[in-house]
Amino acid sequence: MTPTGSETGGLNLELSYQLQRFAGSGSSWKAFDSSSGFRLPDNAVFSPDASLVRLDRWQALTPEQRRGFATEV
């Protein structure tokens, strides 16, 4: 994948920072950056620029599921 432009990279960093700040403030969410992949029901792997997953759904995964592309989140 080709890199983004500098302006987009700055916006992505700000988005990731804000999501992590929200998730770390005692909320019931877990934040992920663009290097995290999630396996969809059709077996495709999706890697959004940033994402939030409900903490209870993340904690329901096994350690092995967390190390790979998380499914059923």
N, C-alpha and C. Protein backbone atom coordinates (compact mmCIF):
# COMPACT_ATOMS: atom_id res chain seq x y z
N MET A 1 0.85 -1.16 0.00
CA MET A 1 0.00 0.00 0.00
C MET A 1 0.90 1.23 0.00
N THR A 2 0.56 2.19 -0.81
CA THR A 2 1.34 3.42 -0.84
C THR A 2 1.05 4.25 0.41
N PRO A 3 2.04 4.98 0.87
CA PRO A 3 1.84 5.82 2.05
C PRO A 3 0.85 6.94 1.77
N THR A 4 0.28 7.47 2.83
CA THR A 4 -0.61 8.63 2.69
C THR A 4 0.23 9.89 2.59
N GLY A 5 -0.40 10.96 2.23
CA GLY A 5 0.29 12.25 2.25
C GLY A 5 0.50 12.70 3.69
N SER A 6 1.33 13.71 3.84
CA SER A 6 1.67 14.19 5.19
C SER A 6 0.45 14.70 5.95
N GLU A 7 -0.42 15.43 5.27
CA GLU A 7 -1.60 15.97 5.95
C GLU A 7 -2.49 14.84 6.47
N THR A 8 -2.72 13.83 5.63
CA THR A 8 -3.54 12.69 6.05
C THR A 8 -2.89 11.95 7.21
N GLY A 9 -1.57 11.77 7.16
CA GLY A 9 -0.86 11.10 8.25
C GLY A 9 -1.05 11.82 9.57
N GLY A 10 -1.02 13.14 9.53
CA GLY A 10 -1.24 13.93 10.75
C GLY A 10 -2.66 13.77 11.27
N LEU A 11 -3.62 13.76 10.36
CA LEU A 11 -5.02 13.57 10.78
C LEU A 11 -5.24 12.18 11.36
N ASN A 12 -4.62 11.16 10.74
CA ASN A 12 -4.75 9.80 11.26
C ASN A 12 -4.15 9.68 12.66
N LEU A 13 -3.02 10.32 12.87
CA LEU A 13 -2.39 10.29 14.20
C LEU A 13 -3.29 10.95 15.23
N GLU A 14 -3.88 12.08 14.87
CA GLU A 14 -4.79 12.78 15.80
C GLU A 14 -6.00 11.92 16.12
N LEU A 15 -6.56 11.26 15.11
CA LEU A 15 -7.69 10.37 15.33
C LEU A 15 -7.31 9.24 16.29
N SER A 16 -6.17 8.62 16.05
CA SER A 16 -5.72 7.53 16.92
C SER A 16 -5.51 8.01 18.35
N TYR A 17 -4.91 9.17 18.49
CA TYR A 17 -4.68 9.74 19.82
C TYR A 17 -6.00 9.96 20.56
N GLN A 18 -6.96 10.56 19.87
CA GLN A 18 -8.25 10.85 20.51
C GLN A 18 -8.99 9.57 20.89
N LEU A 19 -8.93 8.56 20.04
CA LEU A 19 -9.59 7.29 20.37
C LEU A 19 -8.92 6.63 21.57
N GLN A 20 -7.59 6.63 21.61
CA GLN A 20 -6.88 6.03 22.75
C GLN A 20 -7.17 6.81 24.03
N ARG A 21 -7.21 8.10 23.93
CA ARG A 21 -7.52 8.94 25.10
C ARG A 21 -8.91 8.60 25.63
N PHE A 22 -9.87 8.46 24.73
CA PHE A 22 -11.24 8.10 25.13
C PHE A 22 -11.27 6.71 25.76
N ALA A 23 -10.63 5.73 25.10
CA ALA A 23 -10.66 4.36 25.59
C ALA A 23 -9.92 4.22 26.92
N GLY A 24 -8.90 5.02 27.14
CA GLY A 24 -8.13 4.95 28.37
C GLY A 24 -8.71 5.74 29.52
N SER A 25 -9.83 6.40 29.29
CA SER A 25 -10.41 7.26 30.33
C SER A 25 -11.46 6.54 31.17
N GLY A 26 -11.33 5.22 31.27
CA GLY A 26 -12.28 4.47 32.08
C GLY A 26 -13.51 4.06 31.30
N SER A 27 -13.46 4.21 30.00
CA SER A 27 -14.60 3.79 29.18
C SER A 27 -14.59 2.27 29.03
N SER A 28 -15.59 1.75 28.40
CA SER A 28 -15.67 0.30 28.19
C SER A 28 -15.32 -0.05 26.74
N TRP A 29 -14.29 0.60 26.21
CA TRP A 29 -13.84 0.39 24.85
C TRP A 29 -12.34 0.13 24.80
N LYS A 30 -11.89 -0.54 23.74
CA LYS A 30 -10.46 -0.77 23.48
C LYS A 30 -10.16 -0.18 22.11
N ALA A 31 -9.10 0.62 22.03
CA ALA A 31 -8.73 1.29 20.79
C ALA A 31 -7.63 0.52 20.06
N PHE A 32 -7.65 0.59 18.73
CA PHE A 32 -6.66 -0.06 17.88
C PHE A 32 -6.22 0.91 16.80
N ASP A 33 -4.98 0.74 16.33
CA ASP A 33 -4.47 1.59 15.26
C ASP A 33 -4.57 0.87 13.92
N SER A 34 -4.01 1.49 12.90
CA SER A 34 -4.15 0.97 11.54
C SER A 34 -3.36 -0.32 11.28
N SER A 35 -2.48 -0.71 12.16
CA SER A 35 -1.74 -1.95 11.95
C SER A 35 -2.51 -3.17 12.47
N SER A 36 -3.68 -2.96 13.06
CA SER A 36 -4.51 -4.06 13.59
C SER A 36 -5.47 -4.55 12.51
N GLY A 37 -5.54 -5.87 12.36
CA GLY A 37 -6.46 -6.46 11.40
C GLY A 37 -7.56 -7.21 12.11
N PHE A 38 -8.74 -7.19 11.53
CA PHE A 38 -9.91 -7.89 12.07
C PHE A 38 -10.49 -8.76 10.97
N ARG A 39 -10.72 -10.04 11.28
CA ARG A 39 -11.28 -10.96 10.29
C ARG A 39 -12.80 -10.84 10.31
N LEU A 40 -13.37 -10.59 9.14
CA LEU A 40 -14.80 -10.44 8.98
C LEU A 40 -15.46 -11.80 8.76
N PRO A 41 -16.79 -11.89 8.90
CA PRO A 41 -17.47 -13.18 8.72
C PRO A 41 -17.21 -13.84 7.36
N ASP A 42 -16.95 -13.04 6.31
CA ASP A 42 -16.68 -13.62 4.99
C ASP A 42 -15.20 -13.99 4.81
N ASN A 43 -14.42 -13.95 5.89
CA ASN A 43 -12.99 -14.29 5.95
C ASN A 43 -12.07 -13.19 5.44
N ALA A 44 -12.61 -12.07 4.99
CA ALA A 44 -11.78 -10.94 4.59
C ALA A 44 -11.16 -10.33 5.85
N VAL A 45 -9.98 -9.74 5.70
CA VAL A 45 -9.32 -9.06 6.81
C VAL A 45 -9.44 -7.56 6.57
N PHE A 46 -9.95 -6.87 7.55
CA PHE A 46 -10.19 -5.43 7.48
C PHE A 46 -9.22 -4.73 8.42
N SER A 47 -8.58 -3.68 7.96
CA SER A 47 -7.63 -2.93 8.78
C SER A 47 -7.95 -1.44 8.68
N PRO A 48 -8.87 -0.97 9.51
CA PRO A 48 -9.25 0.45 9.45
C PRO A 48 -8.13 1.35 9.97
N ASP A 49 -8.20 2.63 9.65
CA ASP A 49 -7.19 3.58 10.13
C ASP A 49 -7.14 3.60 11.65
N ALA A 50 -8.28 3.48 12.28
CA ALA A 50 -8.38 3.41 13.74
C ALA A 50 -9.72 2.76 14.06
N SER A 51 -9.82 2.12 15.19
CA SER A 51 -11.08 1.46 15.53
C SER A 51 -11.25 1.34 17.04
N LEU A 52 -12.50 1.15 17.42
CA LEU A 52 -12.88 0.89 18.81
C LEU A 52 -13.65 -0.41 18.86
N VAL A 53 -13.36 -1.23 19.87
CA VAL A 53 -14.09 -2.47 20.11
C VAL A 53 -14.55 -2.42 21.55
N ARG A 54 -15.78 -2.86 21.78
CA ARG A 54 -16.27 -2.89 23.17
C ARG A 54 -15.37 -3.80 23.99
N LEU A 55 -14.99 -3.34 25.17
CA LEU A 55 -14.04 -4.05 26.02
C LEU A 55 -14.53 -5.45 26.38
N ASP A 56 -15.81 -5.61 26.66
CA ASP A 56 -16.32 -6.94 27.02
C ASP A 56 -16.19 -7.92 25.86
N ARG A 57 -16.33 -7.45 24.64
CA ARG A 57 -16.17 -8.34 23.48
C ARG A 57 -14.70 -8.69 23.27
N TRP A 58 -13.81 -7.72 23.50
CA TRP A 58 -12.37 -7.98 23.39
C TRP A 58 -11.93 -8.99 24.45
N GLN A 59 -12.41 -8.81 25.68
CA GLN A 59 -12.02 -9.70 26.77
C GLN A 59 -12.59 -11.11 26.61
N ALA A 60 -13.63 -11.27 25.80
CA ALA A 60 -14.22 -12.59 25.56
C ALA A 60 -13.36 -13.43 24.62
N LEU A 61 -12.42 -12.81 23.92
CA LEU A 61 -11.55 -13.55 23.01
C LEU A 61 -10.46 -14.28 23.79
N THR A 62 -10.02 -15.39 23.26
CA THR A 62 -8.90 -16.12 23.87
C THR A 62 -7.61 -15.37 23.55
N PRO A 63 -6.54 -15.62 24.32
CA PRO A 63 -5.26 -15.00 23.99
C PRO A 63 -4.81 -15.30 22.56
N GLU A 64 -5.07 -16.49 22.08
CA GLU A 64 -4.70 -16.84 20.70
C GLU A 64 -5.48 -16.00 19.70
N GLN A 65 -6.77 -15.80 19.94
CA GLN A 65 -7.57 -14.97 19.05
C GLN A 65 -7.08 -13.52 19.06
N ARG A 66 -6.63 -13.04 20.19
CA ARG A 66 -6.14 -11.67 20.30
C ARG A 66 -4.82 -11.48 19.55
N ARG A 67 -3.98 -12.52 19.50
CA ARG A 67 -2.69 -12.41 18.82
C ARG A 67 -2.83 -12.38 17.31
N GLY A 68 -3.85 -13.05 16.78
CA GLY A 68 -4.06 -13.09 15.33
C GLY A 68 -5.01 -11.97 14.91
N PHE A 69 -5.66 -12.17 13.78
CA PHE A 69 -6.68 -11.22 13.34
C PHE A 69 -7.94 -11.56 14.13
N ALA A 70 -8.31 -10.69 15.05
CA ALA A 70 -9.44 -10.94 15.93
C ALA A 70 -10.71 -11.17 15.10
N THR A 71 -11.47 -12.19 15.50
CA THR A 71 -12.74 -12.49 14.84
C THR A 71 -13.85 -12.40 15.86
N GLU A 72 -15.04 -12.29 15.38
CA GLU A 72 -16.22 -12.26 16.25
C GLU A 72 -16.17 -11.14 17.28
N VAL A 73 -15.54 -10.04 16.92
CA VAL A 73 -15.54 -8.89 17.83
C VAL A 73 -16.67 -8.00 17.40
